[in-house]
């Protein structure tokens, strides 16, 4: 019986090692697979996930809608603009659930910012 060539043996070893690292990264969810992306005041969120947080920014008008603009310049739509109307042009803290895929905050509470 003939032993495999060194190239085949090395490629097989590299494939197995890569698969092991990949599955460890999936299980760990550490720095390899970011479940966080910069942009929120109380943490970070990936596309399509929802995350409850406190967002700091200014309530501004964007066309017919009111939006929250963070200091970074990022804007979020607000699903309930009625409580935000009193704060238009002012700094606020918005507590709510972020729908990152839609770029919308499902407002739970709005309070004056610091």
PDB file of N, CA and C in Angstrom:
ATOM      1  N   UNK A   1       0.834  -1.168   0.000  1.00  0.00           N
ATOM      2  CA  UNK A   1       0.000   0.000   0.000  1.00  0.00           C
ATOM      3  C   UNK A   1       0.883   1.236   0.000  1.00  0.00           C
ATOM      4  N   UNK A   2       0.531   2.164  -0.860  1.00  0.00           N
ATOM      5  CA  UNK A   2       1.323   3.378  -1.029  1.00  0.00           C
ATOM      6  C   UNK A   2       0.805   4.494  -0.124  1.00  0.00           C
ATOM      7  N   UNK A   3       1.707   5.243   0.501  1.00  0.00           N
ATOM      8  CA  UNK A   3       1.281   6.362   1.351  1.00  0.00           C
ATOM      9  C   UNK A   3       0.964   7.568   0.459  1.00  0.00           C
ATOM     10  N   UNK A   4       0.052   8.435   0.923  1.00  0.00           N
ATOM     11  CA  UNK A   4      -0.317   9.599   0.110  1.00  0.00           C
ATOM     12  C   UNK A   4       0.879  10.525  -0.080  1.00  0.00           C
ATOM     13  N   UNK A   5       0.846  11.257  -1.163  1.00  0.00           N
ATOM     14  CA  UNK A   5       1.953  12.179  -1.438  1.00  0.00           C
ATOM     15  C   UNK A   5       1.972  13.279  -0.379  1.00  0.00           C
ATOM     16  N   UNK A   6       3.127  13.888  -0.161  1.00  0.00           N
ATOM     17  CA  UNK A   6       3.229  14.940   0.856  1.00  0.00           C
ATOM     18  C   UNK A   6       2.279  16.106   0.586  1.00  0.00           C
ATOM     19  N   UNK A   7       2.039  16.427  -0.675  1.00  0.00           N
ATOM     20  CA  UNK A   7       1.145  17.542  -1.001  1.00  0.00           C
ATOM     21  C   UNK A   7      -0.288  17.213  -0.587  1.00  0.00           C
ATOM     22  N   UNK A   8      -0.744  16.001  -0.908  1.00  0.00           N
ATOM     23  CA  UNK A   8      -2.102  15.600  -0.528  1.00  0.00           C
ATOM     24  C   UNK A   8      -2.240  15.559   0.992  1.00  0.00           C
ATOM     25  N   UNK A   9      -1.225  15.056   1.658  1.00  0.00           N
ATOM     26  CA  UNK A   9      -1.262  14.985   3.117  1.00  0.00           C
ATOM     27  C   UNK A   9      -1.327  16.389   3.712  1.00  0.00           C
ATOM     28  N   UNK A  10      -0.520  17.326   3.206  1.00  0.00           N
ATOM     29  CA  UNK A  10      -0.508  18.701   3.706  1.00  0.00           C
ATOM     30  C   UNK A  10      -1.834  19.408   3.430  1.00  0.00           C
ATOM     31  N   UNK A  11      -2.393  19.200   2.241  1.00  0.00           N
ATOM     32  CA  UNK A  11      -3.678  19.820   1.908  1.00  0.00           C
ATOM     33  C   UNK A  11      -4.799  19.279   2.794  1.00  0.00           C
ATOM     34  N   UNK A  12      -4.768  17.998   3.040  1.00  0.00           N
ATOM     35  CA  UNK A  12      -5.777  17.392   3.909  1.00  0.00           C
ATOM     36  C   UNK A  12      -5.658  17.955   5.324  1.00  0.00           C
ATOM     37  N   UNK A  13      -4.445  18.054   5.816  1.00  0.00           N
ATOM     38  CA  UNK A  13      -4.219  18.617   7.145  1.00  0.00           C
ATOM     39  C   UNK A  13      -4.701  20.068   7.199  1.00  0.00           C
ATOM     40  N   UNK A  14      -4.388  20.866   6.185  1.00  0.00           N
ATOM     41  CA  UNK A  14      -4.800  22.273   6.151  1.00  0.00           C
ATOM     42  C   UNK A  14      -6.329  22.401   6.123  1.00  0.00           C
ATOM     43  N   UNK A  15      -6.988  21.542   5.371  1.00  0.00           N
ATOM     44  CA  UNK A  15      -8.447  21.570   5.293  1.00  0.00           C
ATOM     45  C   UNK A  15      -9.064  21.231   6.648  1.00  0.00           C
ATOM     46  N   UNK A  16      -8.564  20.198   7.294  1.00  0.00           N
ATOM     47  CA  UNK A  16      -9.089  19.797   8.602  1.00  0.00           C
ATOM     48  C   UNK A  16      -8.836  20.900   9.629  1.00  0.00           C
ATOM     49  N   UNK A  17      -7.652  21.492   9.624  1.00  0.00           N
ATOM     50  CA  UNK A  17      -7.329  22.558  10.572  1.00  0.00           C
ATOM     51  C   UNK A  17      -8.216  23.784  10.334  1.00  0.00           C
ATOM     52  N   UNK A  18      -8.435  24.135   9.066  1.00  0.00           N
ATOM     53  CA  UNK A  18      -9.296  25.274   8.743  1.00  0.00           C
ATOM     54  C   UNK A  18     -10.728  25.031   9.207  1.00  0.00           C
ATOM     55  N   UNK A  19     -11.235  23.832   8.989  1.00  0.00           N
ATOM     56  CA  UNK A  19     -12.589  23.492   9.421  1.00  0.00           C
ATOM     57  C   UNK A  19     -12.701  23.584  10.945  1.00  0.00           C
ATOM     58  N   UNK A  20     -11.687  23.115  11.645  1.00  0.00           N
ATOM     59  CA  UNK A  20     -11.690  23.176  13.102  1.00  0.00           C
ATOM     60  C   UNK A  20     -11.722  24.628  13.590  1.00  0.00           C
ATOM     61  N   UNK A  21     -10.901  25.478  13.005  1.00  0.00           N
ATOM     62  CA  UNK A  21     -10.878  26.896  13.384  1.00  0.00           C
ATOM     63  C   UNK A  21     -12.222  27.540  13.075  1.00  0.00           C
ATOM     64  N   UNK A  22     -12.791  27.242  11.920  1.00  0.00           N
ATOM     65  CA  UNK A  22     -14.077  27.817  11.526  1.00  0.00           C
ATOM     66  C   UNK A  22     -15.174  27.440  12.525  1.00  0.00           C
ATOM     67  N   UNK A  23     -15.281  26.175  12.881  1.00  0.00           N
ATOM     68  CA  UNK A  23     -16.326  25.743  13.795  1.00  0.00           C
ATOM     69  C   UNK A  23     -16.095  26.265  15.211  1.00  0.00           C
ATOM     70  N   UNK A  24     -14.846  26.405  15.615  1.00  0.00           N
ATOM     71  CA  UNK A  24     -14.565  27.019  16.916  1.00  0.00           C
ATOM     72  C   UNK A  24     -14.994  28.485  16.913  1.00  0.00           C
ATOM     73  N   UNK A  25     -14.737  29.196  15.813  1.00  0.00           N
ATOM     74  CA  UNK A  25     -15.151  30.598  15.707  1.00  0.00           C
ATOM     75  C   UNK A  25     -16.664  30.719  15.744  1.00  0.00           C
ATOM     76  N   UNK A  26     -17.373  29.822  15.102  1.00  0.00           N
ATOM     77  CA  UNK A  26     -18.834  29.849  15.153  1.00  0.00           C
ATOM     78  C   UNK A  26     -19.346  29.639  16.573  1.00  0.00           C
ATOM     79  N   UNK A  27     -18.737  28.713  17.278  1.00  0.00           N
ATOM     80  CA  UNK A  27     -19.180  28.417  18.639  1.00  0.00           C
ATOM     81  C   UNK A  27     -18.816  29.547  19.601  1.00  0.00           C
ATOM     82  N   UNK A  28     -17.679  30.171  19.391  1.00  0.00           N
ATOM     83  CA  UNK A  28     -17.187  31.193  20.301  1.00  0.00           C
ATOM     84  C   UNK A  28     -17.849  32.540  20.060  1.00  0.00           C
ATOM     85  N   UNK A  29     -18.084  32.899  18.831  1.00  0.00           N
ATOM     86  CA  UNK A  29     -18.634  34.199  18.425  1.00  0.00           C
ATOM     87  C   UNK A  29     -17.811  35.347  18.994  1.00  0.00           C
ATOM     88  N   UNK A  30     -16.549  35.152  19.073  1.00  0.00           N
ATOM     89  CA  UNK A  30     -15.664  36.192  19.585  1.00  0.00           C
ATOM     90  C   UNK A  30     -15.305  37.172  18.484  1.00  0.00           C
ATOM     91  N   UNK A  31     -14.045  37.535  18.386  1.00  0.00           N
ATOM     92  CA  UNK A  31     -13.644  38.553  17.426  1.00  0.00           C
ATOM     93  C   UNK A  31     -13.747  38.093  15.976  1.00  0.00           C
ATOM     94  N   UNK A  32     -13.934  36.792  15.738  1.00  0.00           N
ATOM     95  CA  UNK A  32     -13.995  36.305  14.370  1.00  0.00           C
ATOM     96  C   UNK A  32     -15.333  36.611  13.718  1.00  0.00           C
ATOM     97  N   UNK A  33     -16.400  36.461  14.476  1.00  0.00           N
ATOM     98  CA  UNK A  33     -17.734  36.658  13.930  1.00  0.00           C
ATOM     99  C   UNK A  33     -18.381  37.743  14.751  1.00  0.00           C
ATOM    100  N   UNK A  34     -18.390  38.955  14.200  1.00  0.00           N
ATOM    101  CA  UNK A  34     -18.917  40.080  14.949  1.00  0.00           C
ATOM    102  C   UNK A  34     -20.424  40.025  15.041  1.00  0.00           C
ATOM    103  N   UNK A  35     -20.946  39.905  16.240  1.00  0.00           N
ATOM    104  CA  UNK A  35     -22.367  40.082  16.408  1.00  0.00           C
ATOM    105  C   UNK A  35     -22.614  41.520  16.804  1.00  0.00           C
ATOM    106  N   UNK A  36     -21.599  42.363  16.597  1.00  0.00           N
ATOM    107  CA  UNK A  36     -21.684  43.763  16.927  1.00  0.00           C
ATOM    108  C   UNK A  36     -21.116  44.615  15.808  1.00  0.00           C
ATOM    109  N   UNK A  37     -21.782  45.707  15.549  1.00  0.00           N
ATOM    110  CA  UNK A  37     -21.308  46.676  14.573  1.00  0.00           C
ATOM    111  C   UNK A  37     -21.433  48.053  15.201  1.00  0.00           C
ATOM    112  N   UNK A  38     -20.436  48.937  15.007  1.00  0.00           N
ATOM    113  CA  UNK A  38     -20.485  50.223  15.678  1.00  0.00           C
ATOM    114  C   UNK A  38     -21.696  51.028  15.270  1.00  0.00           C
ATOM    115  N   UNK A  39     -22.150  51.875  16.181  1.00  0.00           N
ATOM    116  CA  UNK A  39     -23.214  52.767  15.797  1.00  0.00           C
ATOM    117  C   UNK A  39     -24.293  53.003  16.829  1.00  0.00           C
ATOM    118  N   UNK A  40     -24.410  52.221  17.846  1.00  0.00           N
ATOM    119  CA  UNK A  40     -25.447  52.467  18.823  1.00  0.00           C
ATOM    120  C   UNK A  40     -24.844  52.931  20.121  1.00  0.00           C
ATOM    121  N   UNK A  41     -25.628  53.629  20.883  1.00  0.00           N
ATOM    122  CA  UNK A  41     -25.129  54.200  22.124  1.00  0.00           C
ATOM    123  C   UNK A  41     -24.925  53.141  23.197  1.00  0.00           C
ATOM    124  N   UNK A  42     -25.767  52.127  23.225  1.00  0.00           N
ATOM    125  CA  UNK A  42     -25.707  51.157  24.313  1.00  0.00           C
ATOM    126  C   UNK A  42     -25.183  49.819  23.854  1.00  0.00           C
ATOM    127  N   UNK A  43     -24.435  49.782  22.798  1.00  0.00           N
ATOM    128  CA  UNK A  43     -23.922  48.520  22.309  1.00  0.00           C
ATOM    129  C   UNK A  43     -23.864  48.522  20.810  1.00  0.00           C
ATOM    130  N   UNK A  44     -23.824  47.360  20.280  1.00  0.00           N
ATOM    131  CA  UNK A  44     -23.644  47.253  18.858  1.00  0.00           C
ATOM    132  C   UNK A  44     -24.540  46.159  18.307  1.00  0.00           C
ATOM    133  N   UNK A  45     -24.875  46.279  17.037  1.00  0.00           N
ATOM    134  CA  UNK A  45     -25.883  45.411  16.455  1.00  0.00           C
ATOM    135  C   UNK A  45     -25.485  44.987  15.054  1.00  0.00           C
ATOM    136  N   UNK A  46     -25.822  43.773  14.679  1.00  0.00           N
ATOM    137  CA  UNK A  46     -25.607  43.335  13.314  1.00  0.00           C
ATOM    138  C   UNK A  46     -26.859  43.548  12.494  1.00  0.00           C
ATOM    139  N   UNK A  47     -26.683  43.479  11.200  1.00  0.00           N
ATOM    140  CA  UNK A  47     -27.790  43.669  10.273  1.00  0.00           C
ATOM    141  C   UNK A  47     -28.880  42.638  10.526  1.00  0.00           C
ATOM    142  N   UNK A  48     -30.128  43.103  10.650  1.00  0.00           N
ATOM    143  CA  UNK A  48     -31.252  42.204  10.763  1.00  0.00           C
ATOM    144  C   UNK A  48     -31.595  41.772  12.176  1.00  0.00           C
ATOM    145  N   UNK A  49     -30.739  42.075  13.144  1.00  0.00           N
ATOM    146  CA  UNK A  49     -31.039  41.689  14.514  1.00  0.00           C
ATOM    147  C   UNK A  49     -31.742  42.834  15.225  1.00  0.00           C
ATOM    148  N   UNK A  50     -32.484  42.516  16.266  1.00  0.00           N
ATOM    149  CA  UNK A  50     -33.115  43.528  17.097  1.00  0.00           C
ATOM    150  C   UNK A  50     -32.386  43.577  18.429  1.00  0.00           C
ATOM    151  N   UNK A  51     -32.286  44.786  18.967  1.00  0.00           N
ATOM    152  CA  UNK A  51     -31.524  44.962  20.195  1.00  0.00           C
ATOM    153  C   UNK A  51     -32.121  46.140  20.959  1.00  0.00           C
ATOM    154  N   UNK A  52     -32.511  45.936  22.201  1.00  0.00           N
ATOM    155  CA  UNK A  52     -33.049  47.005  23.027  1.00  0.00           C
ATOM    156  C   UNK A  52     -31.892  47.827  23.573  1.00  0.00           C
ATOM    157  N   UNK A  53     -32.018  49.151  23.482  1.00  0.00           N
ATOM    158  CA  UNK A  53     -30.910  50.001  23.879  1.00  0.00           C
ATOM    159  C   UNK A  53     -31.392  51.421  24.146  1.00  0.00           C
ATOM    160  N   UNK A  54     -30.470  52.255  24.615  1.00  0.00           N
ATOM    161  CA  UNK A  54     -30.685  53.687  24.775  1.00  0.00           C
ATOM    162  C   UNK A  54     -29.873  54.370  23.686  1.00  0.00           C
ATOM    163  N   UNK A  55     -30.520  55.224  22.908  1.00  0.00           N
ATOM    164  CA  UNK A  55     -29.866  55.931  21.811  1.00  0.00           C
ATOM    165  C   UNK A  55     -29.860  57.414  22.133  1.00  0.00           C
ATOM    166  N   UNK A  56     -28.707  58.053  21.958  1.00  0.00           N
ATOM    167  CA  UNK A  56     -28.567  59.477  22.221  1.00  0.00           C
ATOM    168  C   UNK A  56     -28.472  60.212  20.903  1.00  0.00           C
ATOM    169  N   UNK A  57     -29.195  61.312  20.775  1.00  0.00           N
ATOM    170  CA  UNK A  57     -29.121  62.081  19.545  1.00  0.00           C
ATOM    171  C   UNK A  57     -30.111  63.222  19.554  1.00  0.00           C
ATOM    172  N   UNK A  58     -30.302  63.787  18.375  1.00  0.00           N
ATOM    173  CA  UNK A  58     -31.198  64.920  18.189  1.00  0.00           C
ATOM    174  C   UNK A  58     -32.366  64.490  17.323  1.00  0.00           C
ATOM    175  N   UNK A  59     -33.571  64.906  17.697  1.00  0.00           N
ATOM    176  CA  UNK A  59     -34.748  64.640  16.879  1.00  0.00           C
ATOM    177  C   UNK A  59     -34.765  65.670  15.760  1.00  0.00           C
ATOM    178  N   UNK A  60     -34.787  65.183  14.523  1.00  0.00           N
ATOM    179  CA  UNK A  60     -34.789  66.060  13.353  1.00  0.00           C
ATOM    180  C   UNK A  60     -35.878  65.632  12.394  1.00  0.00           C
ATOM    181  N   UNK A  61     -36.252  66.562  11.537  1.00  0.00           N
ATOM    182  CA  UNK A  61     -37.243  66.263  10.511  1.00  0.00           C
ATOM    183  C   UNK A  61     -36.508  65.848   9.245  1.00  0.00           C
ATOM    184  N   UNK A  62     -36.953  64.758   8.668  1.00  0.00           N
ATOM    185  CA  UNK A  62     -36.424  64.268   7.392  1.00  0.00           C
ATOM    186  C   UNK A  62     -37.626  64.099   6.476  1.00  0.00           C
ATOM    187  N   UNK A  63     -37.882  65.130   5.678  1.00  0.00           N
ATOM    188  CA  UNK A  63     -39.104  65.121   4.871  1.00  0.00           C
ATOM    189  C   UNK A  63     -40.291  65.244   5.804  1.00  0.00           C
ATOM    190  N   UNK A  64     -41.218  64.317   5.716  1.00  0.00           N
ATOM    191  CA  UNK A  64     -42.404  64.328   6.573  1.00  0.00           C
ATOM    192  C   UNK A  64     -42.188  63.542   7.862  1.00  0.00           C
ATOM    193  N   UNK A  65     -41.052  62.862   7.990  1.00  0.00           N
ATOM    194  CA  UNK A  65     -40.795  62.001   9.141  1.00  0.00           C
ATOM    195  C   UNK A  65     -39.889  62.675  10.152  1.00  0.00           C
ATOM    196  N   UNK A  66     -40.006  62.239  11.400  1.00  0.00           N
ATOM    197  CA  UNK A  66     -39.046  62.618  12.433  1.00  0.00           C
ATOM    198  C   UNK A  66     -38.067  61.466  12.598  1.00  0.00           C
ATOM    199  N   UNK A  67     -36.780  61.794  12.710  1.00  0.00           N
ATOM    200  CA  UNK A  67     -35.736  60.784  12.852  1.00  0.00           C
ATOM    201  C   UNK A  67     -34.843  61.168  14.021  1.00  0.00           C
ATOM    202  N   UNK A  68     -34.090  60.200  14.495  1.00  0.00           N
ATOM    203  CA  UNK A  68     -33.075  60.448  15.515  1.00  0.00           C
ATOM    204  C   UNK A  68     -31.726  60.468  14.824  1.00  0.00           C
ATOM    205  N   UNK A  69     -30.975  61.560  14.980  1.00  0.00           N
ATOM    206  CA  UNK A  69     -29.630  61.663  14.413  1.00  0.00           C
ATOM    207  C   UNK A  69     -28.622  61.619  15.551  1.00  0.00           C
ATOM    208  N   UNK A  70     -27.775  60.572  15.527  1.00  0.00           N
ATOM    209  CA  UNK A  70     -26.721  60.451  16.532  1.00  0.00           C
ATOM    210  C   UNK A  70     -25.583  61.407  16.200  1.00  0.00           C
ATOM    211  N   UNK A  71     -24.697  61.608  17.172  1.00  0.00           N
ATOM    212  CA  UNK A  71     -23.550  62.497  16.981  1.00  0.00           C
ATOM    213  C   UNK A  71     -22.668  62.022  15.832  1.00  0.00           C
ATOM    214  N   UNK A  72     -22.658  60.713  15.577  1.00  0.00           N
ATOM    215  CA  UNK A  72     -21.855  60.161  14.485  1.00  0.00           C
ATOM    216  C   UNK A  72     -22.430  60.505  13.119  1.00  0.00           C
ATOM    217  N   UNK A  73     -23.674  61.026  13.096  1.00  0.00           N
ATOM    218  CA  UNK A  73     -24.315  61.358  11.833  1.00  0.00           C
ATOM    219  C   UNK A  73     -25.295  60.289  11.373  1.00  0.00           C
ATOM    220  N   UNK A  74     -25.282  59.148  12.013  1.00  0.00           N
ATOM    221  CA  UNK A  74     -26.191  58.066  11.644  1.00  0.00           C
ATOM    222  C   UNK A  74     -27.614  58.420  12.063  1.00  0.00           C
ATOM    223  N   UNK A  75     -28.578  58.145  11.195  1.00  0.00           N
ATOM    224  CA  UNK A  75     -29.966  58.448  11.508  1.00  0.00           C
ATOM    225  C   UNK A  75     -30.786  57.172  11.605  1.00  0.00           C
ATOM    226  N   UNK A  76     -31.810  57.226  12.449  1.00  0.00           N
ATOM    227  CA  UNK A  76     -32.729  56.117  12.636  1.00  0.00           C
ATOM    228  C   UNK A  76     -34.155  56.643  12.516  1.00  0.00           C
ATOM    229  N   UNK A  77     -34.991  55.923  11.788  1.00  0.00           N
ATOM    230  CA  UNK A  77     -36.409  56.237  11.743  1.00  0.00           C
ATOM    231  C   UNK A  77     -37.009  55.868  13.093  1.00  0.00           C
ATOM    232  N   UNK A  78     -38.104  56.529  13.438  1.00  0.00           N
ATOM    233  CA  UNK A  78     -38.814  56.231  14.675  1.00  0.00           C
ATOM    234  C   UNK A  78     -40.187  55.683  14.312  1.00  0.00           C
ATOM    235  N   UNK A  79     -40.566  54.550  14.890  1.00  0.00           N
ATOM    236  CA  UNK A  79     -41.856  53.955  14.543  1.00  0.00           C
ATOM    237  C   UNK A  79     -43.031  54.725  15.135  1.00  0.00           C
ATOM    238  N   UNK A  80     -42.799  55.464  16.219  1.00  0.00           N
ATOM    239  CA  UNK A  80     -43.846  56.252  16.852  1.00  0.00           C
ATOM    240  C   UNK A  80     -43.310  57.661  17.026  1.00  0.00           C
ATOM    241  N   UNK A  81     -43.744  58.573  16.177  1.00  0.00           N
ATOM    242  CA  UNK A  81     -43.197  59.928  16.203  1.00  0.00           C
ATOM    243  C   UNK A  81     -43.990  60.863  17.108  1.00  0.00           C
ATOM    244  N   UNK A  82     -45.132  60.422  17.604  1.00  0.00           N
ATOM    245  CA  UNK A  82     -45.960  61.304  18.442  1.00  0.00           C
ATOM    246  C   UNK A  82     -45.184  61.827  19.657  1.00  0.00           C
ATOM    247  N   UNK A  83     -44.515  60.966  20.455  1.00  0.00           N
ATOM    248  CA  UNK A  83     -43.775  61.524  21.595  1.00  0.00           C
ATOM    249  C   UNK A  83     -42.549  62.326  21.171  1.00  0.00           C
ATOM    250  N   UNK A  84     -42.044  62.100  19.975  1.00  0.00           N
ATOM    251  CA  UNK A  84     -40.844  62.804  19.511  1.00  0.00           C
ATOM    252  C   UNK A  84     -41.145  64.228  19.055  1.00  0.00           C
ATOM    253  N   UNK A  85     -42.394  64.525  18.726  1.00  0.00           N
ATOM    254  CA  UNK A  85     -42.743  65.852  18.216  1.00  0.00           C
ATOM    255  C   UNK A  85     -42.394  66.958  19.205  1.00  0.00           C
ATOM    256  N   UNK A  86     -42.541  66.689  20.475  1.00  0.00           N
ATOM    257  CA  UNK A  86     -42.241  67.699  21.502  1.00  0.00           C
ATOM    258  C   UNK A  86     -40.747  67.982  21.609  1.00  0.00           C
ATOM    259  N   UNK A  87     -39.923  67.097  21.076  1.00  0.00           N
ATOM    260  CA  UNK A  87     -38.462  67.224  21.209  1.00  0.00           C
ATOM    261  C   UNK A  87     -37.769  67.591  19.892  1.00  0.00           C
ATOM    262  N   UNK A  88     -38.519  67.989  18.889  1.00  0.00           N
ATOM    263  CA  UNK A  88     -37.910  68.291  17.591  1.00  0.00           C
ATOM    264  C   UNK A  88     -36.842  69.378  17.745  1.00  0.00           C
ATOM    265  N   UNK A  89     -35.629  69.072  17.247  1.00  0.00           N
ATOM    266  CA  UNK A  89     -34.503  69.987  17.337  1.00  0.00           C
ATOM    267  C   UNK A  89     -33.744  69.907  18.652  1.00  0.00           C
ATOM    268  N   UNK A  90     -34.172  69.023  19.540  1.00  0.00           N
ATOM    269  CA  UNK A  90     -33.546  68.915  20.864  1.00  0.00           C
ATOM    270  C   UNK A  90     -32.804  67.591  21.028  1.00  0.00           C
ATOM    271  N   UNK A  91     -31.855  67.594  21.945  1.00  0.00           N
ATOM    272  CA  UNK A  91     -31.097  66.396  22.289  1.00  0.00           C
ATOM    273  C   UNK A  91     -31.966  65.513  23.178  1.00  0.00           C
ATOM    274  N   UNK A  92     -32.007  64.205  22.861  1.00  0.00           N
ATOM    275  CA  UNK A  92     -32.860  63.279  23.610  1.00  0.00           C
ATOM    276  C   UNK A  92     -32.160  61.953  23.843  1.00  0.00           C
ATOM    277  N   UNK A  93     -32.753  61.167  24.731  1.00  0.00           N
ATOM    278  CA  UNK A  93     -32.405  59.762  24.929  1.00  0.00           C
ATOM    279  C   UNK A  93     -33.636  58.971  24.513  1.00  0.00           C
ATOM    280  N   UNK A  94     -33.461  58.066  23.561  1.00  0.00           N
ATOM    281  CA  UNK A  94     -34.569  57.236  23.105  1.00  0.00           C
ATOM    282  C   UNK A  94     -34.304  55.810  23.564  1.00  0.00           C
ATOM    283  N   UNK A  95     -35.219  55.285  24.356  1.00  0.00           N
ATOM    284  CA  UNK A  95     -35.139  53.880  24.764  1.00  0.00           C
ATOM    285  C   UNK A  95     -36.027  53.116  23.799  1.00  0.00           C
ATOM    286  N   UNK A  96     -35.478  52.050  23.234  1.00  0.00           N
ATOM    287  CA  UNK A  96     -36.281  51.287  22.300  1.00  0.00           C
ATOM    288  C   UNK A  96     -35.550  50.091  21.750  1.00  0.00           C
ATOM    289  N   UNK A  97     -36.250  49.435  20.869  1.00  0.00           N
ATOM    290  CA  UNK A  97     -35.754  48.222  20.229  1.00  0.00           C
ATOM    291  C   UNK A  97     -35.326  48.581  18.816  1.00  0.00           C
ATOM    292  N   UNK A  98     -34.053  48.342  18.488  1.00  0.00           N
ATOM    293  CA  UNK A  98     -33.529  48.669  17.165  1.00  0.00           C
ATOM    294  C   UNK A  98     -33.776  47.522  16.206  1.00  0.00           C
ATOM    295  N   UNK A  99     -34.401  47.843  15.084  1.00  0.00           N
ATOM    296  CA  UNK A  99     -34.504  46.911  13.963  1.00  0.00           C
ATOM    297  C   UNK A  99     -33.431  47.352  12.983  1.00  0.00           C
ATOM    298  N   UNK A 100     -32.261  46.731  13.080  1.00  0.00           N
ATOM    299  CA  UNK A 100     -31.103  47.159  12.291  1.00  0.00           C
ATOM    300  C   UNK A 100     -31.347  47.010  10.803  1.00  0.00           C
ATOM    301  N   UNK A 101     -32.090  45.990  10.400  1.00  0.00           N
ATOM    302  CA  UNK A 101     -32.362  45.782   8.982  1.00  0.00           C
ATOM    303  C   UNK A 101     -33.151  46.919   8.378  1.00  0.00           C
ATOM    304  N   UNK A 102     -34.085  47.468   9.134  1.00  0.00           N
ATOM    305  CA  UNK A 102     -34.924  48.564   8.645  1.00  0.00           C
ATOM    306  C   UNK A 102     -34.370  49.928   9.045  1.00  0.00           C
ATOM    307  N   UNK A 103     -33.376  49.947   9.931  1.00  0.00           N
ATOM    308  CA  UNK A 103     -32.831  51.218  10.402  1.00  0.00           C
ATOM    309  C   UNK A 103     -33.854  51.988  11.225  1.00  0.00           C
ATOM    310  N   UNK A 104     -34.681  51.251  11.969  1.00  0.00           N
ATOM    311  CA  UNK A 104     -35.779  51.863  12.714  1.00  0.00           C
ATOM    312  C   UNK A 104     -35.711  51.489  14.188  1.00  0.00           C
ATOM    313  N   UNK A 105     -36.032  52.472  15.025  1.00  0.00           N
ATOM    314  CA  UNK A 105     -36.140  52.232  16.456  1.00  0.00           C
ATOM    315  C   UNK A 105     -37.620  52.119  16.799  1.00  0.00           C
ATOM    316  N   UNK A 106     -37.984  51.029  17.457  1.00  0.00           N
ATOM    317  CA  UNK A 106     -39.341  50.865  17.975  1.00  0.00           C
ATOM    318  C   UNK A 106     -39.342  51.529  19.350  1.00  0.00           C
ATOM    319  N   UNK A 107     -39.866  52.729  19.407  1.00  0.00           N
ATOM    320  CA  UNK A 107     -39.747  53.606  20.567  1.00  0.00           C
ATOM    321  C   UNK A 107     -40.506  53.056  21.758  1.00  0.00           C
ATOM    322  N   UNK A 108     -39.815  52.981  22.903  1.00  0.00           N
ATOM    323  CA  UNK A 108     -40.435  52.640  24.178  1.00  0.00           C
ATOM    324  C   UNK A 108     -40.620  53.897  25.019  1.00  0.00           C
ATOM    325  N   UNK A 109     -39.606  54.792  24.978  1.00  0.00           N
ATOM    326  CA  UNK A 109     -39.666  56.015  25.776  1.00  0.00           C
ATOM    327  C   UNK A 109     -38.688  57.033  25.204  1.00  0.00           C
ATOM    328  N   UNK A 110     -39.069  58.305  25.287  1.00  0.00           N
ATOM    329  CA  UNK A 110     -38.177  59.406  24.893  1.00  0.00           C
ATOM    330  C   UNK A 110     -38.076  60.356  26.069  1.00  0.00           C
ATOM    331  N   UNK A 111     -36.841  60.747  26.406  1.00  0.00           N
ATOM    332  CA  UNK A 111     -36.604  61.672  27.505  1.00  0.00           C
ATOM    333  C   UNK A 111     -35.571  62.692  27.061  1.00  0.00           C
ATOM    334  N   UNK A 112     -35.564  63.877  27.691  1.00  0.00           N
ATOM    335  CA  UNK A 112     -34.546  64.882  27.339  1.00  0.00           C
ATOM    336  C   UNK A 112     -33.147  64.333  27.541  1.00  0.00           C
ATOM    337  N   UNK A 113     -32.240  64.684  26.649  1.00  0.00           N
ATOM    338  CA  UNK A 113     -30.859  64.234  26.738  1.00  0.00           C
ATOM    339  C   UNK A 113     -30.054  65.086  27.685  1.00  0.00           C
ATOM    340  N   UNK A 114     -28.865  64.614  27.985  1.00  0.00           N
ATOM    341  CA  UNK A 114     -27.981  65.344  28.916  1.00  0.00           C
ATOM    342  C   UNK A 114     -27.264  66.458  28.218  1.00  0.00           C
TER     343      UNK A 114
END
